[in-house]
Amino acid sequence: MSIFAQIKFNADGLVPAIAQERKSGEVLMMAWMNREAVNQTIATGYAHYYSRSRQSQWKKGERSGHVQKICNIQLDCDGDTLLLTIEQTGAACHTNNRTCFYRHYEDEAWVNNKDAL
């Protein structure tokens, strides 16, 4: 059975992919993958995603050098979300923060986490 037969891509042909740091278990980012991105990720051992705004493939870190080396790829129970266990080089977020989840909700506002920068 093809790996793609078990992945439930949405109507746009995309599936969410969560990148989690292997050593710490910290969730670093979420991005979208299409079939080509999944194929490229498996073939190269580095995370590739699909940019909805640019309508194109991209390799994480292709410009910044902040690549994500794949350690493991998991599919959730519903088949509609991928979990990438990775080794992150540099910052994961395009804002140059270590993680994209650098804000938390506090007193009716979004506040930057001190340890995520």
C-alpha atoms as a PDB file:
ATOM      1  CA  MET A   1       0.000   0.000   0.000  1.00  0.00           C
ATOM      2  CA  SER A   2       1.256   3.458  -0.931  1.00  0.00           C
ATOM      3  CA  ILE A   3       2.067   5.791   1.945  1.00  0.00           C
ATOM      4  CA  PHE A   4      -0.152   8.352   0.239  1.00  0.00           C
ATOM      5  CA  ALA A   5      -3.176   6.053   0.446  1.00  0.00           C
ATOM      6  CA  GLN A   6      -3.118   6.533   4.218  1.00  0.00           C
ATOM      7  CA  ILE A   7      -2.568  10.304   4.289  1.00  0.00           C
ATOM      8  CA  LYS A   8      -5.797  12.293   4.144  1.00  0.00           C
ATOM      9  CA  PHE A   9      -4.890  15.444   2.229  1.00  0.00           C
ATOM     10  CA  ASN A  10      -7.444  18.266   2.431  1.00  0.00           C
ATOM     11  CA  ALA A  11      -9.413  19.619  -0.543  1.00  0.00           C
ATOM     12  CA  ASP A  12      -6.366  21.704  -1.546  1.00  0.00           C
ATOM     13  CA  GLY A  13      -4.126  18.616  -1.548  1.00  0.00           C
ATOM     14  CA  LEU A  14      -2.375  19.627   1.682  1.00  0.00           C
ATOM     15  CA  VAL A  15      -1.779  18.052   5.072  1.00  0.00           C
ATOM     16  CA  PRO A  16      -0.576  19.887   8.213  1.00  0.00           C
ATOM     17  CA  ALA A  17       2.873  18.907   9.432  1.00  0.00           C
ATOM     18  CA  ILE A  18       4.056  19.640  12.957  1.00  0.00           C
ATOM     19  CA  ALA A  19       7.815  19.898  13.526  1.00  0.00           C
ATOM     20  CA  GLN A  20       8.950  18.740  16.966  1.00  0.00           C
ATOM     21  CA  GLU A  21      12.534  18.915  18.245  1.00  0.00           C
ATOM     22  CA  ARG A  22      13.826  15.391  18.875  1.00  0.00           C
ATOM     23  CA  LYS A  23      15.854  16.079  22.040  1.00  0.00           C
ATOM     24  CA  SER A  24      13.549  18.467  23.899  1.00  0.00           C
ATOM     25  CA  GLY A  25      10.160  17.394  22.537  1.00  0.00           C
ATOM     26  CA  GLU A  26       9.332  21.069  21.968  1.00  0.00           C
ATOM     27  CA  VAL A  27       6.896  21.883  19.156  1.00  0.00           C
ATOM     28  CA  LEU A  28       8.753  24.302  16.890  1.00  0.00           C
ATOM     29  CA  MET A  29       6.389  24.998  14.012  1.00  0.00           C
ATOM     30  CA  MET A  30       3.477  23.894  11.859  1.00  0.00           C
ATOM     31  CA  ALA A  31       3.492  24.082   8.079  1.00  0.00           C
ATOM     32  CA  TRP A  32       1.696  22.493   5.143  1.00  0.00           C
ATOM     33  CA  MET A  33       2.887  19.640   2.941  1.00  0.00           C
ATOM     34  CA  ASN A  34       1.593  18.379  -0.367  1.00  0.00           C
ATOM     35  CA  ARG A  35       2.545  15.060  -1.999  1.00  0.00           C
ATOM     36  CA  GLU A  36       5.686  16.528  -3.529  1.00  0.00           C
ATOM     37  CA  ALA A  37       6.842  17.959  -0.185  1.00  0.00           C
ATOM     38  CA  VAL A  38       6.299  14.582   1.495  1.00  0.00           C
ATOM     39  CA  ASN A  39       8.250  12.882  -1.305  1.00  0.00           C
ATOM     40  CA  GLN A  40      11.105  15.406  -1.106  1.00  0.00           C
ATOM     41  CA  THR A  41      11.251  15.104   2.676  1.00  0.00           C
ATOM     42  CA  ILE A  42      11.510  11.315   2.494  1.00  0.00           C
ATOM     43  CA  ALA A  43      14.002  11.390  -0.387  1.00  0.00           C
ATOM     44  CA  THR A  44      16.370  13.980   1.102  1.00  0.00           C
ATOM     45  CA  GLY A  45      15.993  13.468   4.853  1.00  0.00           C
ATOM     46  CA  TYR A  46      15.314  17.203   5.297  1.00  0.00           C
ATOM     47  CA  ALA A  47      11.960  18.935   5.773  1.00  0.00           C
ATOM     48  CA  HIS A  48      10.246  20.342   2.688  1.00  0.00           C
ATOM     49  CA  TYR A  49       6.949  22.181   2.829  1.00  0.00           C
ATOM     50  CA  TYR A  50       4.396  23.865   0.589  1.00  0.00           C
ATOM     51  CA  SER A  51       3.868  27.605   0.850  1.00  0.00           C
ATOM     52  CA  ARG A  52       0.224  28.524   0.370  1.00  0.00           C
ATOM     53  CA  SER A  53       1.063  32.226  -0.054  1.00  0.00           C
ATOM     54  CA  ARG A  54       3.789  31.620  -2.679  1.00  0.00           C
ATOM     55  CA  GLN A  55       2.056  28.552  -4.132  1.00  0.00           C
ATOM     56  CA  SER A  56       5.384  26.713  -4.276  1.00  0.00           C
ATOM     57  CA  GLN A  57       7.584  24.112  -2.629  1.00  0.00           C
ATOM     58  CA  TRP A  58      10.313  25.140  -0.235  1.00  0.00           C
ATOM     59  CA  LYS A  59      13.006  23.414   1.741  1.00  0.00           C
ATOM     60  CA  LYS A  60      13.152  24.610   5.329  1.00  0.00           C
ATOM     61  CA  GLY A  61      16.339  26.625   5.678  1.00  0.00           C
ATOM     62  CA  GLU A  62      17.066  26.958   1.957  1.00  0.00           C
ATOM     63  CA  ARG A  63      17.769  30.676   2.459  1.00  0.00           C
ATOM     64  CA  SER A  64      18.592  30.933   6.164  1.00  0.00           C
ATOM     65  CA  GLY A  65      20.537  27.694   6.625  1.00  0.00           C
ATOM     66  CA  HIS A  66      18.151  26.806   9.500  1.00  0.00           C
ATOM     67  CA  VAL A  67      17.437  23.308   8.199  1.00  0.00           C
ATOM     68  CA  GLN A  68      15.375  20.540   9.766  1.00  0.00           C
ATOM     69  CA  LYS A  69      16.971  17.091   9.618  1.00  0.00           C
ATOM     70  CA  ILE A  70      14.284  14.419   9.740  1.00  0.00           C
ATOM     71  CA  CYS A  71      14.591  11.789  12.475  1.00  0.00           C
ATOM     72  CA  ASN A  72      11.105  10.291  12.186  1.00  0.00           C
ATOM     73  CA  ILE A  73       7.787  10.888  10.417  1.00  0.00           C
ATOM     74  CA  GLN A  74       4.535   9.851  12.078  1.00  0.00           C
ATOM     75  CA  LEU A  75       0.932   9.899  10.885  1.00  0.00           C
ATOM     76  CA  ASP A  76      -1.837  10.556  13.415  1.00  0.00           C
ATOM     77  CA  CYS A  77      -4.742   8.188  14.055  1.00  0.00           C
ATOM     78  CA  ASP A  78      -7.070   9.996  11.630  1.00  0.00           C
ATOM     79  CA  GLY A  79      -4.421  10.138   8.903  1.00  0.00           C
ATOM     80  CA  ASP A  80      -4.798  13.896   8.556  1.00  0.00           C
ATOM     81  CA  THR A  81      -1.742  15.289  10.365  1.00  0.00           C
ATOM     82  CA  LEU A  82       1.969  14.492  10.137  1.00  0.00           C
ATOM     83  CA  LEU A  83       4.408  14.777  13.027  1.00  0.00           C
ATOM     84  CA  LEU A  84       8.016  15.344  11.996  1.00  0.00           C
ATOM     85  CA  THR A  85      10.573  14.603  14.683  1.00  0.00           C
ATOM     86  CA  ILE A  86      13.538  16.728  13.681  1.00  0.00           C
ATOM     87  CA  GLU A  87      16.949  18.078  14.609  1.00  0.00           C
ATOM     88  CA  GLN A  88      16.696  21.837  14.135  1.00  0.00           C
ATOM     89  CA  THR A  89      19.683  23.923  13.035  1.00  0.00           C
ATOM     90  CA  GLY A  90      19.211  27.556  14.090  1.00  0.00           C
ATOM     91  CA  ALA A  91      15.827  29.200  14.525  1.00  0.00           C
ATOM     92  CA  ALA A  92      12.687  27.397  13.346  1.00  0.00           C
ATOM     93  CA  CYS A  93      10.535  30.505  12.950  1.00  0.00           C
ATOM     94  CA  HIS A  94      10.835  32.946  10.041  1.00  0.00           C
ATOM     95  CA  THR A  95      10.836  35.716  12.692  1.00  0.00           C
ATOM     96  CA  ASN A  96      14.196  34.286  13.835  1.00  0.00           C
ATOM     97  CA  ASN A  97      12.697  32.962  17.075  1.00  0.00           C
ATOM     98  CA  ARG A  98      13.659  29.437  18.126  1.00  0.00           C
ATOM     99  CA  THR A  99      10.006  28.354  17.830  1.00  0.00           C
ATOM    100  CA  CYS A 100       6.966  29.773  16.044  1.00  0.00           C
ATOM    101  CA  PHE A 101       5.076  29.364  19.336  1.00  0.00           C
ATOM    102  CA  TYR A 102       6.851  32.188  21.137  1.00  0.00           C
ATOM    103  CA  ARG A 103       3.713  33.931  22.448  1.00  0.00           C
ATOM    104  CA  HIS A 104       1.282  32.914  25.159  1.00  0.00           C
ATOM    105  CA  TYR A 105      -2.085  34.276  26.229  1.00  0.00           C
ATOM    106  CA  GLU A 106      -1.991  36.294  29.443  1.00  0.00           C
ATOM    107  CA  ASP A 107      -4.428  38.878  30.814  1.00  0.00           C
ATOM    108  CA  GLU A 108      -6.353  39.181  27.544  1.00  0.00           C
ATOM    109  CA  ALA A 109      -3.213  39.747  25.441  1.00  0.00           C
ATOM    110  CA  TRP A 110      -0.524  37.787  23.582  1.00  0.00           C
ATOM    111  CA  VAL A 111       2.791  38.077  25.432  1.00  0.00           C
ATOM    112  CA  ASN A 112       6.218  36.942  24.213  1.00  0.00           C
ATOM    113  CA  ASN A 113       7.663  33.957  26.066  1.00  0.00           C
ATOM    114  CA  LYS A 114      11.035  34.915  27.508  1.00  0.00           C
ATOM    115  CA  ASP A 115      12.581  31.482  26.877  1.00  0.00           C
ATOM    116  CA  ALA A 116      11.460  31.163  23.233  1.00  0.00           C
ATOM    117  CA  LEU A 117      13.578  33.990  21.824  1.00  0.00           C
END
